Amino acid sequence: MASELRTRTIVGLGLVALALGALLMGGFLFWLLLVVAGVLMQGEWGALVGASEERRRMAMFAVSVPLAILCPLAAGISWLAFVLMMSAFFFVLLTGRSLALALGVLYVCVPVMALLLLRGQAPDGYGLLLAFWALALVWATDIGAYFAGRSIGGPKLAPRVSPSKTWAGLAGGVLAALLTGFALHRFAGLPIQLAAASGLLAVAAQLGDLLESAMKRRAGVKDSGALLPGHGGVMDRLDGVVAAAPLAAALFLLVGAA
């Protein structure tokens, strides 16, 4: 048990350091990290929906096309990227004859686009703040939900999907996200509207977690993969980000960019 916890901690700290490093650098390195994670997630998604290895590889290839065009050295965030994303979706749908597999394209591409949109805002420091806000709120939500759920307990949030999650954990996650959002407003200049909406991102992150839990339960597996020792797969680490990042980008476009 101690060895497993040590492995989980070391890998977890390494992942956070990698994410923060790429986030700080921005540009090509941030895009590259998101692309690698996205392609791996598409493969894990395919496994969870029961696709064959051939169709999983086909879907991973298809999703790499819109992800590639998002490179800041190429078209970046543009209508072309959106068109290629939808083309990849229909290609997987028609070739793989599976709506479930094709939905993985949207599951991967939309949050990648959202994070690149936030990080690409000028000036560079503001884009860094926005992207950090979207990611930090997910981390804060996970921590707040864990400690509130363990210390308070109480009624289960979705016992059939994830027996360990409680309503107290959800409340703790929302509170932690709000505290983080207002701290970023106070000390880093995050717009007050976005800080106040941080609780919505916490709820979205928890829903993303529940979605993946439901997929794993249906597939009869504990983790989405085994790539990350002590953590499972890439989807296991980014399920909350997948749901929160698009909402963060939408909120920014509605109020933060005004």
C-alpha atoms as a PDB file:
ATOM      1  CA  MET A   1       0.000   0.000   0.000  1.00  0.00           C
ATOM      2  CA  ALA A   2       2.797   2.439   0.924  1.00  0.00           C
ATOM      3  CA  SER A   3       4.663   1.594  -2.269  1.00  0.00           C
ATOM      4  CA  GLU A   4       1.526   2.136  -4.362  1.00  0.00           C
ATOM      5  CA  LEU A   5       0.869   5.489  -2.681  1.00  0.00           C
ATOM      6  CA  ARG A   6       4.476   6.552  -3.258  1.00  0.00           C
ATOM      7  CA  THR A   7       4.245   5.627  -6.945  1.00  0.00           C
ATOM      8  CA  ARG A   8       0.945   7.447  -7.316  1.00  0.00           C
ATOM      9  CA  THR A   9       2.372  10.559  -5.623  1.00  0.00           C
ATOM     10  CA  ILE A  10       5.546  10.623  -7.722  1.00  0.00           C
ATOM     11  CA  VAL A  11       3.668  10.138 -10.983  1.00  0.00           C
ATOM     12  CA  GLY A  12       1.048  12.702  -9.946  1.00  0.00           C
ATOM     13  CA  LEU A  13       3.669  15.339  -9.147  1.00  0.00           C
ATOM     14  CA  GLY A  14       5.425  14.583 -12.422  1.00  0.00           C
ATOM     15  CA  LEU A  15       2.197  15.062 -14.368  1.00  0.00           C
ATOM     16  CA  VAL A  16       1.480  18.379 -12.641  1.00  0.00           C
ATOM     17  CA  ALA A  17       5.033  19.578 -13.324  1.00  0.00           C
ATOM     18  CA  LEU A  18       4.728  18.561 -16.988  1.00  0.00           C
ATOM     19  CA  ALA A  19       1.376  20.320 -17.355  1.00  0.00           C
ATOM     20  CA  LEU A  20       2.563  23.509 -15.648  1.00  0.00           C
ATOM     21  CA  GLY A  21       5.785  23.569 -17.656  1.00  0.00           C
ATOM     22  CA  ALA A  22       3.964  23.242 -20.975  1.00  0.00           C
ATOM     23  CA  LEU A  23       1.358  25.769 -19.829  1.00  0.00           C
ATOM     24  CA  LEU A  24       4.037  28.318 -18.945  1.00  0.00           C
ATOM     25  CA  MET A  25       5.837  27.835 -22.248  1.00  0.00           C
ATOM     26  CA  GLY A  26       2.621  27.984 -24.269  1.00  0.00           C
ATOM     27  CA  GLY A  27       2.764  27.900 -28.050  1.00  0.00           C
ATOM     28  CA  PHE A  28       4.094  24.776 -29.700  1.00  0.00           C
ATOM     29  CA  LEU A  29       4.938  22.867 -26.482  1.00  0.00           C
ATOM     30  CA  PHE A  30       1.484  23.365 -24.965  1.00  0.00           C
ATOM     31  CA  TRP A  31      -0.135  22.286 -28.238  1.00  0.00           C
ATOM     32  CA  LEU A  32       2.136  19.225 -28.457  1.00  0.00           C
ATOM     33  CA  LEU A  33       1.251  18.050 -24.949  1.00  0.00           C
ATOM     34  CA  LEU A  34      -2.458  18.425 -25.679  1.00  0.00           C
ATOM     35  CA  VAL A  35      -2.141  16.540 -28.980  1.00  0.00           C
ATOM     36  CA  VAL A  36      -0.316  13.601 -27.417  1.00  0.00           C
ATOM     37  CA  ALA A  37      -2.890  13.434 -24.621  1.00  0.00           C
ATOM     38  CA  GLY A  38      -5.735  13.747 -27.118  1.00  0.00           C
ATOM     39  CA  VAL A  39      -4.608  10.922 -29.379  1.00  0.00           C
ATOM     40  CA  LEU A  40      -4.048   8.633 -26.384  1.00  0.00           C
ATOM     41  CA  MET A  41      -7.492   9.519 -25.021  1.00  0.00           C
ATOM     42  CA  GLN A  42      -9.094   8.633 -28.347  1.00  0.00           C
ATOM     43  CA  GLY A  43      -7.508   5.198 -28.109  1.00  0.00           C
ATOM     44  CA  GLU A  44      -8.771   4.727 -24.556  1.00  0.00           C
ATOM     45  CA  TRP A  45     -12.231   5.955 -25.551  1.00  0.00           C
ATOM     46  CA  GLY A  46     -12.317   3.365 -28.315  1.00  0.00           C
ATOM     47  CA  ALA A  47     -11.421   0.610 -25.873  1.00  0.00           C
ATOM     48  CA  LEU A  48     -14.151   1.687 -23.442  1.00  0.00           C
ATOM     49  CA  VAL A  49     -16.837   1.624 -26.158  1.00  0.00           C
ATOM     50  CA  GLY A  50     -15.715  -1.826 -27.283  1.00  0.00           C
ATOM     51  CA  ALA A  51     -14.191  -0.930 -30.658  1.00  0.00           C
ATOM     52  CA  SER A  52     -11.770  -3.347 -32.269  1.00  0.00           C
ATOM     53  CA  GLU A  53      -8.065  -2.530 -32.277  1.00  0.00           C
ATOM     54  CA  GLU A  54      -8.202  -1.744 -36.000  1.00  0.00           C
ATOM     55  CA  ARG A  55     -11.051   0.723 -35.561  1.00  0.00           C
ATOM     56  CA  ARG A  56      -9.404   2.294 -32.521  1.00  0.00           C
ATOM     57  CA  ARG A  57      -6.251   2.944 -34.543  1.00  0.00           C
ATOM     58  CA  MET A  58      -8.325   4.345 -37.388  1.00  0.00           C
ATOM     59  CA  ALA A  59     -10.055   6.735 -34.989  1.00  0.00           C
ATOM     60  CA  MET A  60      -6.718   7.798 -33.474  1.00  0.00           C
ATOM     61  CA  PHE A  61      -5.416   8.583 -36.956  1.00  0.00           C
ATOM     62  CA  ALA A  62      -8.571  10.513 -37.837  1.00  0.00           C
ATOM     63  CA  VAL A  63      -8.483  12.643 -34.698  1.00  0.00           C
ATOM     64  CA  SER A  64      -4.822  13.492 -35.275  1.00  0.00           C
ATOM     65  CA  VAL A  65      -5.746  15.506 -38.390  1.00  0.00           C
ATOM     66  CA  PRO A  66      -7.780  18.276 -36.709  1.00  0.00           C
ATOM     67  CA  LEU A  67      -5.393  18.220 -33.758  1.00  0.00           C
ATOM     68  CA  ALA A  68      -2.452  18.750 -36.120  1.00  0.00           C
ATOM     69  CA  ILE A  69      -4.018  21.758 -37.829  1.00  0.00           C
ATOM     70  CA  LEU A  70      -4.447  23.382 -34.398  1.00  0.00           C
ATOM     71  CA  CYS A  71      -0.667  23.773 -34.209  1.00  0.00           C
ATOM     72  CA  PRO A  72       0.263  27.461 -33.805  1.00  0.00           C
ATOM     73  CA  LEU A  73       2.672  26.960 -36.720  1.00  0.00           C
ATOM     74  CA  ALA A  74      -0.286  25.878 -38.888  1.00  0.00           C
ATOM     75  CA  ALA A  75      -3.843  27.268 -38.898  1.00  0.00           C
ATOM     76  CA  GLY A  76      -4.317  27.257 -35.126  1.00  0.00           C
ATOM     77  CA  ILE A  77      -7.834  27.909 -33.796  1.00  0.00           C
ATOM     78  CA  SER A  78      -9.814  28.518 -36.977  1.00  0.00           C
ATOM     79  CA  TRP A  79     -12.832  27.488 -38.990  1.00  0.00           C
ATOM     80  CA  LEU A  80     -10.572  25.042 -40.808  1.00  0.00           C
ATOM     81  CA  ALA A  81      -9.888  23.229 -37.536  1.00  0.00           C
ATOM     82  CA  PHE A  82     -13.620  23.050 -36.832  1.00  0.00           C
ATOM     83  CA  VAL A  83     -14.364  21.726 -40.329  1.00  0.00           C
ATOM     84  CA  LEU A  84     -11.625  19.088 -39.995  1.00  0.00           C
ATOM     85  CA  MET A  85     -12.960  18.061 -36.585  1.00  0.00           C
ATOM     86  CA  MET A  86     -16.447  17.489 -38.006  1.00  0.00           C
ATOM     87  CA  SER A  87     -14.947  15.720 -41.025  1.00  0.00           C
ATOM     88  CA  ALA A  88     -13.046  13.394 -38.685  1.00  0.00           C
ATOM     89  CA  PHE A  89     -16.257  12.773 -36.744  1.00  0.00           C
ATOM     90  CA  PHE A  90     -18.208  11.734 -39.844  1.00  0.00           C
ATOM     91  CA  PHE A  91     -15.256   9.744 -41.200  1.00  0.00           C
ATOM     92  CA  VAL A  92     -15.109   7.654 -38.019  1.00  0.00           C
ATOM     93  CA  LEU A  93     -18.908   7.388 -37.932  1.00  0.00           C
ATOM     94  CA  LEU A  94     -19.156   6.086 -41.497  1.00  0.00           C
ATOM     95  CA  THR A  95     -15.964   4.042 -41.626  1.00  0.00           C
ATOM     96  CA  GLY A  96     -16.197   2.576 -38.154  1.00  0.00           C
ATOM     97  CA  ARG A  97     -20.008   2.343 -38.279  1.00  0.00           C
ATOM     98  CA  SER A  98     -20.166   3.386 -34.645  1.00  0.00           C
ATOM     99  CA  LEU A  99     -21.636   6.595 -33.225  1.00  0.00           C
ATOM    100  CA  ALA A 100     -20.092   5.796 -29.839  1.00  0.00           C
ATOM    101  CA  LEU A 101     -16.597   5.637 -31.341  1.00  0.00           C
ATOM    102  CA  ALA A 102     -17.157   8.800 -33.394  1.00  0.00           C
ATOM    103  CA  LEU A 103     -18.232  10.770 -30.330  1.00  0.00           C
ATOM    104  CA  GLY A 104     -14.696  10.269 -29.054  1.00  0.00           C
ATOM    105  CA  VAL A 105     -13.516  12.731 -31.726  1.00  0.00           C
ATOM    106  CA  LEU A 106     -15.619  15.476 -30.155  1.00  0.00           C
ATOM    107  CA  TYR A 107     -14.673  14.337 -26.646  1.00  0.00           C
ATOM    108  CA  VAL A 108     -11.010  14.888 -27.552  1.00  0.00           C
ATOM    109  CA  CYS A 109     -11.021  17.854 -29.931  1.00  0.00           C
ATOM    110  CA  VAL A 110     -13.429  20.241 -28.207  1.00  0.00           C
ATOM    111  CA  PRO A 111     -11.489  20.543 -24.911  1.00  0.00           C
ATOM    112  CA  VAL A 112      -8.170  20.795 -26.785  1.00  0.00           C
ATOM    113  CA  MET A 113      -9.577  23.674 -28.840  1.00  0.00           C
ATOM    114  CA  ALA A 114     -10.930  25.296 -25.690  1.00  0.00           C
ATOM    115  CA  LEU A 115      -7.610  25.185 -23.852  1.00  0.00           C
ATOM    116  CA  LEU A 116      -5.686  26.469 -26.882  1.00  0.00           C
ATOM    117  CA  LEU A 117      -8.227  29.281 -27.266  1.00  0.00           C
ATOM    118  CA  LEU A 118      -7.768  30.339 -23.649  1.00  0.00           C
ATOM    119  CA  ARG A 119      -3.970  30.030 -23.668  1.00  0.00           C
ATOM    120  CA  GLY A 120      -3.713  31.970 -26.931  1.00  0.00           C
ATOM    121  CA  GLN A 121      -5.331  35.140 -25.633  1.00  0.00           C
ATOM    122  CA  ALA A 122      -3.219  38.281 -25.746  1.00  0.00           C
ATOM    123  CA  PRO A 123      -1.332  39.492 -23.892  1.00  0.00           C
ATOM    124  CA  ASP A 124       0.460  36.218 -23.220  1.00  0.00           C
ATOM    125  CA  GLY A 125       0.164  36.614 -19.455  1.00  0.00           C
ATOM    126  CA  TYR A 126      -3.613  36.922 -19.708  1.00  0.00           C
ATOM    127  CA  GLY A 127      -3.855  33.774 -21.818  1.00  0.00           C
ATOM    128  CA  LEU A 128      -1.717  31.972 -19.247  1.00  0.00           C
ATOM    129  CA  LEU A 129      -4.051  33.124 -16.472  1.00  0.00           C
ATOM    130  CA  LEU A 130      -7.163  31.951 -18.319  1.00  0.00           C
ATOM    131  CA  ALA A 131      -5.774  28.512 -19.126  1.00  0.00           C
ATOM    132  CA  PHE A 132      -4.407  28.121 -15.607  1.00  0.00           C
ATOM    133  CA  TRP A 133      -7.845  29.071 -14.227  1.00  0.00           C
ATOM    134  CA  ALA A 134      -9.518  26.325 -16.280  1.00  0.00           C
ATOM    135  CA  LEU A 135      -7.019  23.686 -15.147  1.00  0.00           C
ATOM    136  CA  ALA A 136      -6.545  24.807 -11.532  1.00  0.00           C
ATOM    137  CA  LEU A 137     -10.283  24.724 -10.883  1.00  0.00           C
ATOM    138  CA  VAL A 138     -10.394  21.057 -11.845  1.00  0.00           C
ATOM    139  CA  TRP A 139      -7.478  20.289  -9.510  1.00  0.00           C
ATOM    140  CA  ALA A 140      -9.096  22.307  -6.717  1.00  0.00           C
ATOM    141  CA  THR A 141     -12.417  20.544  -7.287  1.00  0.00           C
ATOM    142  CA  ASP A 142     -10.801  17.106  -7.032  1.00  0.00           C
ATOM    143  CA  ILE A 143      -9.000  18.042  -3.810  1.00  0.00           C
ATOM    144  CA  GLY A 144     -12.026  19.714  -2.229  1.00  0.00           C
ATOM    145  CA  ALA A 145     -14.328  16.841  -3.199  1.00  0.00           C
ATOM    146  CA  TYR A 146     -11.898  14.241  -1.846  1.00  0.00           C
ATOM    147  CA  PHE A 147     -11.454  15.811   1.574  1.00  0.00           C
ATOM    148  CA  ALA A 148     -15.098  16.831   1.990  1.00  0.00           C
ATOM    149  CA  GLY A 149     -16.307  13.421   0.921  1.00  0.00           C
ATOM    150  CA  ARG A 150     -13.915  11.602   3.239  1.00  0.00           C
ATOM    151  CA  SER A 151     -14.513  13.823   6.289  1.00  0.00           C
ATOM    152  CA  ILE A 152     -18.264  14.417   5.945  1.00  0.00           C
ATOM    153  CA  GLY A 153     -19.598  11.484   3.951  1.00  0.00           C
ATOM    154  CA  GLY A 154     -23.377  11.384   3.734  1.00  0.00           C
ATOM    155  CA  PRO A 155     -25.729  10.602   0.829  1.00  0.00           C
ATOM    156  CA  LYS A 156     -24.195   9.268  -2.363  1.00  0.00           C
ATOM    157  CA  LEU A 157     -24.167  11.473  -5.440  1.00  0.00           C
ATOM    158  CA  ALA A 158     -24.586   8.703  -8.036  1.00  0.00           C
ATOM    159  CA  PRO A 159     -24.272   5.323  -6.289  1.00  0.00           C
ATOM    160  CA  ARG A 160     -24.881   3.258  -9.426  1.00  0.00           C
ATOM    161  CA  VAL A 161     -22.144   5.053 -11.339  1.00  0.00           C
ATOM    162  CA  SER A 162     -19.550   6.004  -8.730  1.00  0.00           C
ATOM    163  CA  PRO A 163     -20.300   4.702  -5.223  1.00  0.00           C
ATOM    164  CA  SER A 164     -17.522   6.758  -3.614  1.00  0.00           C
ATOM    165  CA  LYS A 165     -18.877  10.172  -4.634  1.00  0.00           C
ATOM    166  CA  THR A 166     -21.133  12.057  -2.228  1.00  0.00           C
ATOM    167  CA  TRP A 167     -23.146  15.267  -2.269  1.00  0.00           C
ATOM    168  CA  ALA A 168     -20.830  16.583   0.422  1.00  0.00           C
ATOM    169  CA  GLY A 169     -17.901  15.920  -1.887  1.00  0.00           C
ATOM    170  CA  LEU A 170     -19.599  17.861  -4.668  1.00  0.00           C
ATOM    171  CA  ALA A 171     -20.219  20.778  -2.304  1.00  0.00           C
ATOM    172  CA  GLY A 172     -16.607  20.668  -1.150  1.00  0.00           C
ATOM    173  CA  GLY A 173     -15.409  20.688  -4.739  1.00  0.00           C
ATOM    174  CA  VAL A 174     -17.592  23.669  -5.630  1.00  0.00           C
ATOM    175  CA  LEU A 175     -16.382  25.581  -2.567  1.00  0.00           C
ATOM    176  CA  ALA A 176     -12.732  24.843  -3.385  1.00  0.00           C
ATOM    177  CA  ALA A 177     -13.266  25.983  -6.982  1.00  0.00           C
ATOM    178  CA  LEU A 178     -14.901  29.233  -5.866  1.00  0.00           C
ATOM    179  CA  LEU A 179     -12.077  29.945  -3.430  1.00  0.00           C
ATOM    180  CA  THR A 180      -9.550  29.325  -6.183  1.00  0.00           C
ATOM    181  CA  GLY A 181     -11.410  31.515  -8.645  1.00  0.00           C
ATOM    182  CA  PHE A 182     -11.693  34.446  -6.239  1.00  0.00           C
ATOM    183  CA  ALA A 183      -8.040  34.037  -5.227  1.00  0.00           C
ATOM    184  CA  LEU A 184      -7.078  34.333  -8.897  1.00  0.00           C
ATOM    185  CA  HIS A 185      -9.287  37.422  -9.153  1.00  0.00           C
ATOM    186  CA  ARG A 186      -7.729  39.012  -6.079  1.00  0.00           C
ATOM    187  CA  PHE A 187      -4.086  38.253  -6.794  1.00  0.00           C
ATOM    188  CA  ALA A 188      -3.877  37.723 -10.578  1.00  0.00           C
ATOM    189  CA  GLY A 189      -6.627  39.873 -12.080  1.00  0.00           C
ATOM    190  CA  LEU A 190      -9.049  37.183 -13.264  1.00  0.00           C
ATOM    191  CA  PRO A 191     -12.316  38.938 -14.267  1.00  0.00           C
ATOM    192  CA  ILE A 192     -14.794  38.851 -11.399  1.00  0.00           C
ATOM    193  CA  GLN A 193     -17.471  37.307 -13.642  1.00  0.00           C
ATOM    194  CA  LEU A 194     -15.264  34.315 -14.339  1.00  0.00           C
ATOM    195  CA  ALA A 195     -14.294  33.986 -10.674  1.00  0.00           C
ATOM    196  CA  ALA A 196     -17.963  33.966  -9.689  1.00  0.00           C
ATOM    197  CA  ALA A 197     -18.707  31.301 -12.327  1.00  0.00           C
ATOM    198  CA  SER A 198     -15.969  28.996 -11.043  1.00  0.00           C
ATOM    199  CA  GLY A 199     -18.503  26.853  -9.207  1.00  0.00           C
ATOM    200  CA  LEU A 200     -20.111  25.952 -12.534  1.00  0.00           C
ATOM    201  CA  LEU A 201     -16.787  24.584 -13.731  1.00  0.00           C
ATOM    202  CA  ALA A 202     -16.571  22.451 -10.596  1.00  0.00           C
ATOM    203  CA  VAL A 203     -19.962  20.929 -11.359  1.00  0.00           C
ATOM    204  CA  ALA A 204     -18.908  20.340 -14.973  1.00  0.00           C
ATOM    205  CA  ALA A 205     -15.704  18.643 -13.817  1.00  0.00           C
ATOM    206  CA  GLN A 206     -17.673  16.303 -11.564  1.00  0.00           C
ATOM    207  CA  LEU A 207     -20.071  15.483 -14.404  1.00  0.00           C
ATOM    208  CA  GLY A 208     -17.096  14.685 -16.628  1.00  0.00           C
ATOM    209  CA  ASP A 209     -15.797  12.350 -13.943  1.00  0.00           C
ATOM    210  CA  LEU A 210     -19.191  10.651 -13.678  1.00  0.00           C
ATOM    211  CA  LEU A 211     -19.407  10.215 -17.453  1.00  0.00           C
ATOM    212  CA  GLU A 212     -16.113   8.373 -17.556  1.00  0.00           C
ATOM    213  CA  SER A 213     -17.075   6.331 -14.484  1.00  0.00           C
ATOM    214  CA  ALA A 214     -20.259   5.254 -16.270  1.00  0.00           C
ATOM    215  CA  MET A 215     -18.271   4.248 -19.353  1.00  0.00           C
ATOM    216  CA  LYS A 216     -15.812   2.217 -17.275  1.00  0.00           C
ATOM    217  CA  ARG A 217     -18.620   0.525 -15.373  1.00  0.00           C
ATOM    218  CA  ARG A 218     -20.328  -0.408 -18.628  1.00  0.00           C
ATOM    219  CA  ALA A 219     -17.040  -1.713 -20.032  1.00  0.00           C
ATOM    220  CA  GLY A 220     -16.338  -3.642 -16.819  1.00  0.00           C
ATOM    221  CA  VAL A 221     -12.939  -2.079 -16.162  1.00  0.00           C
ATOM    222  CA  LYS A 222     -11.429  -0.166 -13.247  1.00  0.00           C
ATOM    223  CA  ASP A 223      -9.329   2.265 -15.291  1.00  0.00           C
ATOM    224  CA  SER A 224      -9.419   3.624 -18.831  1.00  0.00           C
ATOM    225  CA  GLY A 225      -5.863   2.390 -19.358  1.00  0.00           C
ATOM    226  CA  ALA A 226      -2.605   1.462 -17.661  1.00  0.00           C
ATOM    227  CA  LEU A 227      -0.216   4.063 -19.089  1.00  0.00           C
ATOM    228  CA  LEU A 228       0.180   6.057 -15.862  1.00  0.00           C
ATOM    229  CA  PRO A 229       1.287   3.926 -12.873  1.00  0.00           C
ATOM    230  CA  GLY A 230      -1.028   4.460  -9.924  1.00  0.00           C
ATOM    231  CA  HIS A 231      -3.376   6.625 -11.977  1.00  0.00           C
ATOM    232  CA  GLY A 232      -4.689   4.427 -14.770  1.00  0.00           C
ATOM    233  CA  GLY A 233      -5.111   5.986 -18.198  1.00  0.00           C
ATOM    234  CA  VAL A 234      -4.995   9.504 -19.595  1.00  0.00           C
ATOM    235  CA  MET A 235      -8.776   9.766 -19.500  1.00  0.00           C
ATOM    236  CA  ASP A 236      -8.703   8.949 -15.795  1.00  0.00           C
ATOM    237  CA  ARG A 237      -6.595  12.073 -15.196  1.00  0.00           C
ATOM    238  CA  LEU A 238      -8.335  14.418 -17.626  1.00  0.00           C
ATOM    239  CA  ASP A 239     -12.029  13.471 -17.421  1.00  0.00           C
ATOM    240  CA  GLY A 240     -12.803  16.611 -15.416  1.00  0.00           C
ATOM    241  CA  VAL A 241     -10.766  18.852 -17.716  1.00  0.00           C
ATOM    242  CA  VAL A 242     -12.621  17.504 -20.749  1.00  0.00           C
ATOM    243  CA  ALA A 243     -15.910  18.828 -19.364  1.00  0.00           C
ATOM    244  CA  ALA A 244     -14.661  21.983 -17.631  1.00  0.00           C
ATOM    245  CA  ALA A 245     -12.400  23.424 -20.350  1.00  0.00           C
ATOM    246  CA  PRO A 246     -15.125  23.953 -23.008  1.00  0.00           C
ATOM    247  CA  LEU A 247     -17.363  25.598 -20.408  1.00  0.00           C
ATOM    248  CA  ALA A 248     -14.482  27.828 -19.312  1.00  0.00           C
ATOM    249  CA  ALA A 249     -13.896  28.900 -22.919  1.00  0.00           C
ATOM    250  CA  ALA A 250     -17.614  29.546 -23.440  1.00  0.00           C
ATOM    251  CA  LEU A 251     -17.808  31.663 -20.284  1.00  0.00           C
ATOM    252  CA  PHE A 252     -14.764  33.638 -21.380  1.00  0.00           C
ATOM    253  CA  LEU A 253     -16.290  34.328 -24.789  1.00  0.00           C
ATOM    254  CA  LEU A 254     -19.553  35.401 -23.148  1.00  0.00           C
ATOM    255  CA  VAL A 255     -18.271  37.610 -20.353  1.00  0.00           C
ATOM    256  CA  GLY A 256     -14.482  37.570 -20.121  1.00  0.00           C
ATOM    257  CA  ALA A 257     -13.855  38.942 -23.573  1.00  0.00           C
ATOM    258  CA  ALA A 258     -16.504  41.650 -23.294  1.00  0.00           C
END
